[in-house]
Amino acid sequence: MTHQIRALHTDSTLTVYQAYDPSIGLPAARTGRFPAAWKRDRMTWIKPSFLWMMYRCGWALKEGQQTVLAVEITREGFDWALRHACLSHYAPDVHPDQAAWKRTLRESPARVQWDPERDLRLAPLPHRSLQLGLAGEAARRYADEWTVSITDVTDRAHAIHALVRDGDLTAAARLLPLERPYPTPGDLLAHLAA
């Protein structure tokens, strides 16, 4: 499958990843809630793929992204976001025309982007990984209703990166979260070109 959501999930939750400046990330992990400094009125992107997050934050070494959080959210909330999402780009197979896509984009509280999944060396793989952008109502629900727990996984990211640098991909792979295909009813991703 080219487009697939793979994630660490239970019967009731799904884990997504985000990277923040320590001034946001550390208080969030300490209290299990996003602090007041976390802007609920701007778009925030969540990623179910740990390795895609590592690609994006450079193994937690990029400026402003030195704290990697594993945010466990309700599956009910995640599914709500997917139902209310639109693609972040125009797709002729999904949208009647560009004007219709732009209208949907303006009205949707969530956006989906499919990017190449990454391997341990952060090289692109042939299948796509989901990024989910949350704004407005979706961002507020994410922070205030859907979040079950927030864990700082920066040390884990650094440990995996060290093993990759040393060429021990087998040991690095053992430290990765167990991401399995996320079960979605057939219609949940239909409008997202998946």
Protein backbone atom coordinates (compact mmCIF):
# COMPACT_ATOMS: atom_id res chain seq x y z
CA MET A 1 0.00 0.00 0.00
CA THR A 2 1.49 3.34 -1.04
CA HIS A 3 -0.45 5.45 1.49
CA GLN A 4 -0.76 3.85 4.90
CA ILE A 5 -0.99 5.09 8.47
CA ARG A 6 1.44 3.12 10.59
CA ALA A 7 1.52 3.98 14.27
CA LEU A 8 2.02 2.78 17.79
CA HIS A 9 -1.58 2.22 18.90
CA THR A 10 -3.80 0.44 21.39
CA ASP A 11 -7.53 -0.27 21.30
CA SER A 12 -8.24 3.28 22.47
CA THR A 13 -5.15 5.42 21.73
CA LEU A 14 -2.61 6.28 19.05
CA THR A 15 0.82 7.85 19.57
CA VAL A 16 1.98 10.80 17.48
CA TYR A 17 5.25 12.71 17.60
CA GLN A 18 6.16 16.36 17.71
CA ALA A 19 9.43 18.21 18.34
CA TYR A 20 9.60 21.47 20.28
CA ASP A 21 11.96 23.91 21.83
CA PRO A 22 12.70 22.74 25.41
CA SER A 23 10.75 25.74 26.77
CA ILE A 24 7.56 24.09 25.43
CA GLY A 25 8.54 20.42 25.32
CA LEU A 26 9.89 19.99 28.84
CA PRO A 27 6.88 21.50 30.68
CA ALA A 28 4.53 19.50 28.43
CA ALA A 29 6.27 16.24 29.30
CA ARG A 30 6.49 17.14 33.00
CA THR A 31 2.77 17.92 33.38
CA GLY A 32 1.28 15.77 30.61
CA ARG A 33 -0.39 18.89 29.17
CA PHE A 34 0.68 21.56 26.71
CA PRO A 35 1.65 24.73 28.60
CA ALA A 36 -0.03 28.12 28.18
CA ALA A 37 2.84 29.16 25.87
CA TRP A 38 1.67 26.50 23.38
CA LYS A 39 -0.37 28.41 20.79
CA ARG A 40 -3.80 26.83 20.36
CA ASP A 41 -4.64 29.25 17.54
CA ARG A 42 -1.90 28.19 15.13
CA MET A 43 -1.52 25.04 13.05
CA THR A 44 0.36 22.18 14.68
CA TRP A 45 1.56 19.11 12.76
CA ILE A 46 1.47 15.65 14.29
CA LYS A 47 3.24 12.60 12.88
CA PRO A 48 2.42 8.96 13.70
CA SER A 49 5.81 7.91 12.25
CA PHE A 50 8.73 8.12 14.67
CA LEU A 51 11.31 8.01 11.86
CA TRP A 52 9.54 10.72 9.88
CA MET A 53 9.73 12.86 13.01
CA MET A 54 13.45 12.08 13.26
CA TYR A 55 13.88 13.18 9.65
CA ARG A 56 12.01 16.41 10.33
CA CYS A 57 13.83 17.32 13.57
CA GLY A 58 17.26 15.92 12.64
CA TRP A 59 17.31 13.46 15.54
CA ALA A 60 16.32 16.31 17.92
CA LEU A 61 19.35 18.38 16.95
CA LYS A 62 17.63 21.14 14.96
CA GLU A 63 17.18 24.54 16.57
CA GLY A 64 13.76 24.80 18.24
CA GLN A 65 13.18 21.04 17.90
CA GLN A 66 15.49 19.64 20.57
CA THR A 67 12.72 18.01 22.62
CA VAL A 68 10.83 15.15 20.98
CA LEU A 69 7.46 14.31 22.48
CA ALA A 70 5.43 11.13 22.12
CA VAL A 71 1.86 12.34 22.50
CA GLU A 72 -0.69 9.62 23.17
CA ILE A 73 -4.10 10.73 21.94
CA THR A 74 -7.51 9.09 21.74
CA ARG A 75 -8.28 7.15 18.59
CA GLU A 76 -11.67 8.84 18.64
CA GLY A 77 -9.96 12.24 18.35
CA PHE A 78 -7.53 11.09 15.66
CA ASP A 79 -10.39 9.65 13.60
CA TRP A 80 -12.37 12.89 14.05
CA ALA A 81 -9.40 14.84 12.67
CA LEU A 82 -9.14 12.53 9.65
CA ARG A 83 -12.88 12.85 8.96
CA HIS A 84 -12.61 16.65 9.08
CA ALA A 85 -9.35 16.89 7.14
CA CYS A 86 -8.59 17.81 3.58
CA LEU A 87 -5.46 17.35 1.52
CA SER A 88 -2.88 20.10 1.86
CA HIS A 89 -2.49 20.11 -1.93
CA TYR A 90 -4.84 20.05 -4.91
CA ALA A 91 -5.48 16.53 -6.29
CA PRO A 92 -7.51 16.26 -9.51
CA ASP A 93 -8.69 12.75 -8.57
CA VAL A 94 -10.20 14.05 -5.32
CA HIS A 95 -11.30 17.65 -5.98
CA PRO A 96 -13.60 18.79 -8.82
CA ASP A 97 -11.37 21.84 -9.39
CA GLN A 98 -8.84 24.09 -7.64
CA ALA A 99 -11.52 26.49 -6.41
CA ALA A 100 -13.35 23.62 -4.66
CA TRP A 101 -10.10 22.45 -3.05
CA LYS A 102 -9.29 25.99 -1.82
CA ARG A 103 -12.78 26.31 -0.36
CA THR A 104 -12.42 22.96 1.44
CA LEU A 105 -8.96 23.94 2.65
CA ARG A 106 -10.30 27.15 4.20
CA GLU A 107 -13.16 25.32 5.93
CA SER A 108 -11.25 22.28 7.23
CA PRO A 109 -9.76 22.27 10.74
CA ALA A 110 -7.25 19.58 9.70
CA ARG A 111 -4.92 18.96 6.75
CA VAL A 112 -3.26 15.81 5.51
CA GLN A 113 0.08 15.57 3.79
CA TRP A 114 1.57 12.29 2.58
CA ASP A 115 5.37 12.32 2.61
CA PRO A 116 7.90 9.57 1.86
CA GLU A 117 8.42 7.36 4.91
CA ARG A 118 12.02 7.15 6.13
CA ASP A 119 14.38 4.33 7.05
CA LEU A 120 16.88 4.37 9.92
CA ARG A 121 19.36 6.35 7.83
CA LEU A 122 16.46 8.77 7.10
CA ALA A 123 16.54 7.91 3.40
CA PRO A 124 13.12 8.00 1.67
CA LEU A 125 11.16 4.78 1.27
CA PRO A 126 8.69 4.09 -1.57
CA HIS A 127 5.59 4.29 0.64
CA ARG A 128 4.04 7.40 2.15
CA SER A 129 3.66 8.47 5.75
CA LEU A 130 0.90 10.67 7.12
CA GLN A 131 1.39 14.13 8.57
CA LEU A 132 -1.71 15.67 10.07
CA GLY A 133 -1.97 19.43 10.51
CA LEU A 134 -4.41 20.63 13.16
CA ALA A 135 -5.77 24.18 13.34
CA GLY A 136 -8.60 25.99 15.10
CA GLU A 137 -11.07 23.57 16.64
CA ALA A 138 -8.85 20.55 15.88
CA ALA A 139 -5.78 22.07 17.58
CA ARG A 140 -7.81 23.00 20.66
CA ARG A 141 -9.38 19.53 20.87
CA TYR A 142 -5.95 17.93 20.44
CA ALA A 143 -4.44 19.91 23.30
CA ASP A 144 -7.39 19.96 25.66
CA GLU A 145 -9.48 16.84 24.98
CA TRP A 146 -7.64 14.17 22.97
CA THR A 147 -4.28 14.14 24.75
CA VAL A 148 -3.98 11.21 27.14
CA SER A 149 -0.26 11.48 27.96
CA ILE A 150 2.90 13.27 26.84
CA THR A 151 6.31 11.61 27.16
CA ASP A 152 9.74 13.07 26.41
CA VAL A 153 11.45 10.57 24.05
CA THR A 154 14.47 12.73 23.24
CA ASP A 155 16.92 10.39 24.98
CA ARG A 156 15.53 7.48 22.97
CA ALA A 157 15.97 9.48 19.75
CA HIS A 158 19.60 10.23 20.66
CA ALA A 159 20.28 6.58 21.57
CA ILE A 160 18.88 5.33 18.25
CA HIS A 161 20.83 7.99 16.35
CA ALA A 162 24.07 6.96 18.10
CA LEU A 163 23.53 3.32 17.09
CA VAL A 164 22.79 4.36 13.50
CA ARG A 165 25.99 6.45 13.42
CA ASP A 166 27.90 3.42 14.71
CA GLY A 167 26.39 1.29 11.95
CA ASP A 168 24.44 -0.98 14.34
CA LEU A 169 21.08 -0.83 12.56
CA THR A 170 19.86 -4.04 14.20
CA ALA A 171 20.25 -2.60 17.70
CA ALA A 172 18.79 0.73 16.53
CA ALA A 173 15.73 -1.02 15.08
CA ARG A 174 15.10 -2.77 18.41
CA LEU A 175 14.66 0.63 20.07
CA LEU A 176 12.05 1.87 17.59
CA PRO A 177 8.40 2.02 18.67
CA LEU A 178 6.33 -0.85 17.29
CA GLU A 179 4.36 0.88 14.54
CA ARG A 180 1.65 -1.26 12.95
CA PRO A 181 -0.93 -0.42 10.28
CA TYR A 182 -3.67 1.68 11.85
CA PRO A 183 -7.11 0.23 11.12
CA THR A 184 -9.32 2.70 9.29
CA PRO A 185 -12.81 2.08 7.98
CA GLY A 186 -12.87 2.22 4.17
CA ASP A 187 -14.47 5.66 4.00
CA LEU A 188 -12.19 7.35 6.55
CA LEU A 189 -9.37 8.04 4.08
CA ALA A 190 -11.37 8.12 0.83
CA HIS A 191 -11.37 11.93 0.65
CA LEU A 192 -7.62 12.00 1.40
CA ALA A 193 -6.43 10.23 -1.77
CA ALA A 194 -5.32 7.15 0.09
